[in-house]
Amino acid sequence: KIEDLIHSAQFATVKEELALWAAIDEPDVLEGMYLCAKYNYPTLKLADLKFLVRELALNAAEFHDNKTHPYEQIRTLNKYVFNKIQFKPDRKSFHNPKNSFINIVLESKFGNPLSLSVVYMLVAQQLGIPVYGVNFPNLFIVTYKDNDTQFYINVHNNGLIFTKEDI
């Protein structure tokens, strides 16, 4: 019974924090993922997650060149994310809740389309690559979008690049 009370209190706290987070004009995506994970991992610290993402971006920076064509920037990021550090989709247990907890995804390097896309997007943005989330029916992907160029990236399919015409 005590455990149920603790979970109820944790859930109420997370709901309140998520409501406050959602009310912000431009909420921090990592913070939102942190709040969701905090329900199951109450001792989790946002600063620890920020450190892990920053570390991924710093390691990716040695391969990154902002002066190359956007497609090449994404291909290089794909090689880093999917080949070097080996983030992968969890196809065997797709709906497992662990695939939605950002701390577990960063640790295990397995995730669902949303969680993998968030990690990819956060690393890209820290490198100055304009990548943003796009919620399609039945699939969450990311888009590279600047003033001149836009294309899409399916992070759950190892960074497959496709165009608006492909959609």
C-alpha atoms as a PDB file:
ATOM      1  CA  LYS A   1       0.000   0.000   0.000  1.00  0.00           C
ATOM      2  CA  ILE A   2       2.870   2.377   0.781  1.00  0.00           C
ATOM      3  CA  GLU A   3       4.401   1.637  -2.608  1.00  0.00           C
ATOM      4  CA  ASP A   4       1.085   2.524  -4.294  1.00  0.00           C
ATOM      5  CA  LEU A   5       0.970   5.814  -2.369  1.00  0.00           C
ATOM      6  CA  ILE A   6       4.520   6.645  -3.421  1.00  0.00           C
ATOM      7  CA  HIS A   7       3.741   5.921  -7.085  1.00  0.00           C
ATOM      8  CA  SER A   8       0.557   8.001  -6.884  1.00  0.00           C
ATOM      9  CA  ALA A   9       2.505  10.927  -5.421  1.00  0.00           C
ATOM     10  CA  GLN A  10       5.243  10.566  -8.057  1.00  0.00           C
ATOM     11  CA  PHE A  11       2.664  10.439 -10.833  1.00  0.00           C
ATOM     12  CA  ALA A  12       0.887  13.542  -9.533  1.00  0.00           C
ATOM     13  CA  THR A  13       4.181  15.417  -9.340  1.00  0.00           C
ATOM     14  CA  VAL A  14       5.210  14.394 -12.861  1.00  0.00           C
ATOM     15  CA  LYS A  15       1.784  15.394 -14.247  1.00  0.00           C
ATOM     16  CA  GLU A  16       2.103  18.843 -12.654  1.00  0.00           C
ATOM     17  CA  GLU A  17       5.655  19.301 -13.940  1.00  0.00           C
ATOM     18  CA  LEU A  18       4.662  18.172 -17.446  1.00  0.00           C
ATOM     19  CA  ALA A  19       1.727  20.600 -17.460  1.00  0.00           C
ATOM     20  CA  LEU A  20       4.075  23.455 -16.529  1.00  0.00           C
ATOM     21  CA  TRP A  21       6.591  22.316 -19.137  1.00  0.00           C
ATOM     22  CA  ALA A  22       3.922  22.103 -21.865  1.00  0.00           C
ATOM     23  CA  ALA A  23       2.782  25.661 -21.107  1.00  0.00           C
ATOM     24  CA  ILE A  24       6.192  27.083 -22.064  1.00  0.00           C
ATOM     25  CA  ASP A  25       6.326  28.699 -25.539  1.00  0.00           C
ATOM     26  CA  GLU A  26       9.393  26.731 -26.651  1.00  0.00           C
ATOM     27  CA  PRO A  27       9.829  23.862 -24.208  1.00  0.00           C
ATOM     28  CA  ASP A  28      13.146  22.029 -23.985  1.00  0.00           C
ATOM     29  CA  VAL A  29      12.619  18.573 -25.536  1.00  0.00           C
ATOM     30  CA  LEU A  30      15.241  16.944 -23.328  1.00  0.00           C
ATOM     31  CA  GLU A  31      13.515  18.323 -20.245  1.00  0.00           C
ATOM     32  CA  GLY A  32      10.194  16.864 -21.418  1.00  0.00           C
ATOM     33  CA  MET A  33      11.774  13.449 -21.950  1.00  0.00           C
ATOM     34  CA  TYR A  34      13.433  13.769 -18.548  1.00  0.00           C
ATOM     35  CA  LEU A  35      10.094  14.485 -16.872  1.00  0.00           C
ATOM     36  CA  CYS A  36       8.574  11.360 -18.426  1.00  0.00           C
ATOM     37  CA  ALA A  37      11.525   9.217 -17.325  1.00  0.00           C
ATOM     38  CA  LYS A  38      11.468  10.740 -13.859  1.00  0.00           C
ATOM     39  CA  TYR A  39       8.225   8.922 -13.085  1.00  0.00           C
ATOM     40  CA  ASN A  40       9.978   5.556 -13.242  1.00  0.00           C
ATOM     41  CA  TYR A  41      13.399   6.852 -12.161  1.00  0.00           C
ATOM     42  CA  PRO A  42      12.710   9.488  -9.473  1.00  0.00           C
ATOM     43  CA  THR A  43      16.388  10.022  -8.641  1.00  0.00           C
ATOM     44  CA  LEU A  44      17.237  10.847 -12.262  1.00  0.00           C
ATOM     45  CA  LYS A  45      18.875  14.261 -12.745  1.00  0.00           C
ATOM     46  CA  LEU A  46      18.362  16.491 -15.765  1.00  0.00           C
ATOM     47  CA  ALA A  47      21.969  17.676 -15.472  1.00  0.00           C
ATOM     48  CA  ASP A  48      23.173  14.086 -15.970  1.00  0.00           C
ATOM     49  CA  LEU A  49      21.144  13.735 -19.167  1.00  0.00           C
ATOM     50  CA  LYS A  50      22.398  17.077 -20.467  1.00  0.00           C
ATOM     51  CA  PHE A  51      25.956  15.938 -19.789  1.00  0.00           C
ATOM     52  CA  LEU A  52      25.425  12.690 -21.738  1.00  0.00           C
ATOM     53  CA  VAL A  53      23.911  14.499 -24.737  1.00  0.00           C
ATOM     54  CA  ARG A  54      26.643  17.146 -24.675  1.00  0.00           C
ATOM     55  CA  GLU A  55      29.261  14.370 -24.581  1.00  0.00           C
ATOM     56  CA  LEU A  56      27.686  12.698 -27.631  1.00  0.00           C
ATOM     57  CA  ALA A  57      27.704  16.026 -29.482  1.00  0.00           C
ATOM     58  CA  LEU A  58      31.315  16.761 -28.538  1.00  0.00           C
ATOM     59  CA  ASN A  59      32.382  13.360 -29.844  1.00  0.00           C
ATOM     60  CA  ALA A  60      30.348  13.877 -33.029  1.00  0.00           C
ATOM     61  CA  ALA A  61      31.942  17.299 -33.551  1.00  0.00           C
ATOM     62  CA  GLU A  62      35.233  15.725 -34.646  1.00  0.00           C
ATOM     63  CA  PHE A  63      33.416  14.247 -37.676  1.00  0.00           C
ATOM     64  CA  HIS A  64      31.197  17.247 -38.399  1.00  0.00           C
ATOM     65  CA  ASP A  65      31.802  20.084 -40.854  1.00  0.00           C
ATOM     66  CA  ASN A  66      29.154  22.835 -41.147  1.00  0.00           C
ATOM     67  CA  LYS A  67      30.619  23.864 -44.502  1.00  0.00           C
ATOM     68  CA  THR A  68      29.595  20.678 -46.307  1.00  0.00           C
ATOM     69  CA  HIS A  69      26.266  20.206 -48.088  1.00  0.00           C
ATOM     70  CA  PRO A  70      23.330  19.436 -45.750  1.00  0.00           C
ATOM     71  CA  TYR A  71      22.990  15.884 -47.139  1.00  0.00           C
ATOM     72  CA  GLU A  72      26.647  15.245 -46.379  1.00  0.00           C
ATOM     73  CA  GLN A  73      26.279  16.669 -42.866  1.00  0.00           C
ATOM     74  CA  ILE A  74      23.435  14.226 -42.212  1.00  0.00           C
ATOM     75  CA  ARG A  75      25.280  11.287 -43.772  1.00  0.00           C
ATOM     76  CA  THR A  76      28.235  12.031 -41.501  1.00  0.00           C
ATOM     77  CA  LEU A  77      25.962  12.326 -38.462  1.00  0.00           C
ATOM     78  CA  ASN A  78      24.301   9.033 -39.456  1.00  0.00           C
ATOM     79  CA  LYS A  79      27.672   7.286 -39.598  1.00  0.00           C
ATOM     80  CA  TYR A  80      28.501   8.578 -36.140  1.00  0.00           C
ATOM     81  CA  VAL A  81      25.134   7.801 -34.512  1.00  0.00           C
ATOM     82  CA  PHE A  82      24.396   4.453 -36.145  1.00  0.00           C
ATOM     83  CA  ASN A  83      27.840   3.000 -36.955  1.00  0.00           C
ATOM     84  CA  LYS A  84      30.278   4.440 -34.442  1.00  0.00           C
ATOM     85  CA  ILE A  85      28.160   4.601 -31.278  1.00  0.00           C
ATOM     86  CA  GLN A  86      25.556   2.128 -32.595  1.00  0.00           C
ATOM     87  CA  PHE A  87      22.166   3.524 -31.665  1.00  0.00           C
ATOM     88  CA  LYS A  88      19.572   1.080 -32.977  1.00  0.00           C
ATOM     89  CA  PRO A  89      15.813   0.632 -33.114  1.00  0.00           C
ATOM     90  CA  ASP A  90      14.434  -1.967 -30.718  1.00  0.00           C
ATOM     91  CA  ARG A  91      12.425  -3.994 -33.191  1.00  0.00           C
ATOM     92  CA  LYS A  92      11.986  -7.038 -30.929  1.00  0.00           C
ATOM     93  CA  SER A  93      10.202  -5.262 -28.090  1.00  0.00           C
ATOM     94  CA  PHE A  94       9.036  -2.105 -29.847  1.00  0.00           C
ATOM     95  CA  HIS A  95       6.376  -1.197 -27.262  1.00  0.00           C
ATOM     96  CA  ASN A  96       8.520  -1.866 -24.210  1.00  0.00           C
ATOM     97  CA  PRO A  97       8.275   1.200 -21.931  1.00  0.00           C
ATOM     98  CA  LYS A  98      12.066   1.276 -21.522  1.00  0.00           C
ATOM     99  CA  ASN A  99      12.248   2.447 -25.150  1.00  0.00           C
ATOM    100  CA  SER A 100      10.586   5.683 -24.067  1.00  0.00           C
ATOM    101  CA  PHE A 101      12.816   6.513 -21.095  1.00  0.00           C
ATOM    102  CA  ILE A 102      15.587   8.791 -22.350  1.00  0.00           C
ATOM    103  CA  ASN A 103      18.040   7.665 -19.681  1.00  0.00           C
ATOM    104  CA  ILE A 104      17.637   4.016 -20.680  1.00  0.00           C
ATOM    105  CA  VAL A 105      17.861   4.852 -24.400  1.00  0.00           C
ATOM    106  CA  LEU A 106      21.103   6.775 -23.845  1.00  0.00           C
ATOM    107  CA  GLU A 107      22.493   3.882 -21.813  1.00  0.00           C
ATOM    108  CA  SER A 108      21.315   0.906 -23.901  1.00  0.00           C
ATOM    109  CA  LYS A 109      21.418   2.668 -27.301  1.00  0.00           C
ATOM    110  CA  PHE A 110      18.077   1.038 -28.195  1.00  0.00           C
ATOM    111  CA  GLY A 111      14.837   2.947 -28.602  1.00  0.00           C
ATOM    112  CA  ASN A 112      11.610   3.587 -30.431  1.00  0.00           C
ATOM    113  CA  PRO A 113      11.168   6.144 -33.269  1.00  0.00           C
ATOM    114  CA  LEU A 114      10.433   9.020 -30.879  1.00  0.00           C
ATOM    115  CA  SER A 115      13.239   8.436 -28.401  1.00  0.00           C
ATOM    116  CA  LEU A 116      15.873   7.762 -31.077  1.00  0.00           C
ATOM    117  CA  SER A 117      14.734  10.838 -33.006  1.00  0.00           C
ATOM    118  CA  VAL A 118      15.000  12.984 -29.884  1.00  0.00           C
ATOM    119  CA  VAL A 119      18.576  11.846 -29.223  1.00  0.00           C
ATOM    120  CA  TYR A 120      19.472  12.405 -32.891  1.00  0.00           C
ATOM    121  CA  MET A 121      17.822  15.840 -32.935  1.00  0.00           C
ATOM    122  CA  LEU A 122      19.503  16.976 -29.711  1.00  0.00           C
ATOM    123  CA  VAL A 123      22.955  15.943 -30.931  1.00  0.00           C
ATOM    124  CA  ALA A 124      22.353  17.580 -34.332  1.00  0.00           C
ATOM    125  CA  GLN A 125      21.156  20.829 -32.793  1.00  0.00           C
ATOM    126  CA  GLN A 126      24.197  21.032 -30.523  1.00  0.00           C
ATOM    127  CA  LEU A 127      26.309  20.736 -33.669  1.00  0.00           C
ATOM    128  CA  GLY A 128      24.382  23.605 -35.249  1.00  0.00           C
ATOM    129  CA  ILE A 129      22.520  21.339 -37.677  1.00  0.00           C
ATOM    130  CA  PRO A 130      18.901  22.546 -38.074  1.00  0.00           C
ATOM    131  CA  VAL A 131      17.051  19.289 -37.359  1.00  0.00           C
ATOM    132  CA  TYR A 132      13.524  19.272 -35.918  1.00  0.00           C
ATOM    133  CA  GLY A 133      10.923  16.664 -35.027  1.00  0.00           C
ATOM    134  CA  VAL A 134       7.984  15.811 -37.291  1.00  0.00           C
ATOM    135  CA  ASN A 135       5.087  13.665 -36.118  1.00  0.00           C
ATOM    136  CA  PHE A 136       3.670  11.697 -39.048  1.00  0.00           C
ATOM    137  CA  PRO A 137       0.818   9.255 -38.570  1.00  0.00           C
ATOM    138  CA  ASN A 138       2.311   6.078 -37.102  1.00  0.00           C
ATOM    139  CA  LEU A 139       5.892   7.374 -37.261  1.00  0.00           C
ATOM    140  CA  PHE A 140       7.986  10.120 -35.694  1.00  0.00           C
ATOM    141  CA  ILE A 141      10.827  11.367 -37.924  1.00  0.00           C
ATOM    142  CA  VAL A 142      13.033  14.449 -38.128  1.00  0.00           C
ATOM    143  CA  THR A 143      13.513  17.069 -40.799  1.00  0.00           C
ATOM    144  CA  TYR A 144      16.552  19.048 -41.845  1.00  0.00           C
ATOM    145  CA  LYS A 145      15.235  22.531 -42.517  1.00  0.00           C
ATOM    146  CA  ASP A 146      17.033  25.766 -43.249  1.00  0.00           C
ATOM    147  CA  ASN A 147      16.198  28.689 -45.554  1.00  0.00           C
ATOM    148  CA  ASP A 148      17.203  26.818 -48.714  1.00  0.00           C
ATOM    149  CA  THR A 149      16.880  23.106 -48.011  1.00  0.00           C
ATOM    150  CA  GLN A 150      14.414  20.711 -46.477  1.00  0.00           C
ATOM    151  CA  PHE A 151      14.446  16.942 -46.406  1.00  0.00           C
ATOM    152  CA  TYR A 152      13.429  14.223 -43.966  1.00  0.00           C
ATOM    153  CA  ILE A 153      15.321  11.630 -41.974  1.00  0.00           C
ATOM    154  CA  ASN A 154      13.894   8.374 -40.653  1.00  0.00           C
ATOM    155  CA  VAL A 155      16.019   7.830 -37.575  1.00  0.00           C
ATOM    156  CA  HIS A 156      14.293   4.529 -36.843  1.00  0.00           C
ATOM    157  CA  ASN A 157      15.639   3.298 -40.197  1.00  0.00           C
ATOM    158  CA  ASN A 158      19.318   4.210 -39.624  1.00  0.00           C
ATOM    159  CA  GLY A 159      18.901   7.776 -40.851  1.00  0.00           C
ATOM    160  CA  LEU A 160      17.272   7.039 -44.194  1.00  0.00           C
ATOM    161  CA  ILE A 161      17.028  10.357 -46.065  1.00  0.00           C
ATOM    162  CA  PHE A 162      13.959  11.134 -48.166  1.00  0.00           C
ATOM    163  CA  THR A 163      12.296  14.156 -49.770  1.00  0.00           C
ATOM    164  CA  LYS A 164       8.863  15.722 -49.707  1.00  0.00           C
ATOM    165  CA  GLU A 165       8.193  14.034 -53.060  1.00  0.00           C
ATOM    166  CA  ASP A 166       9.023  10.653 -51.509  1.00  0.00           C
ATOM    167  CA  ILE A 167       6.365  11.248 -48.872  1.00  0.00           C
END
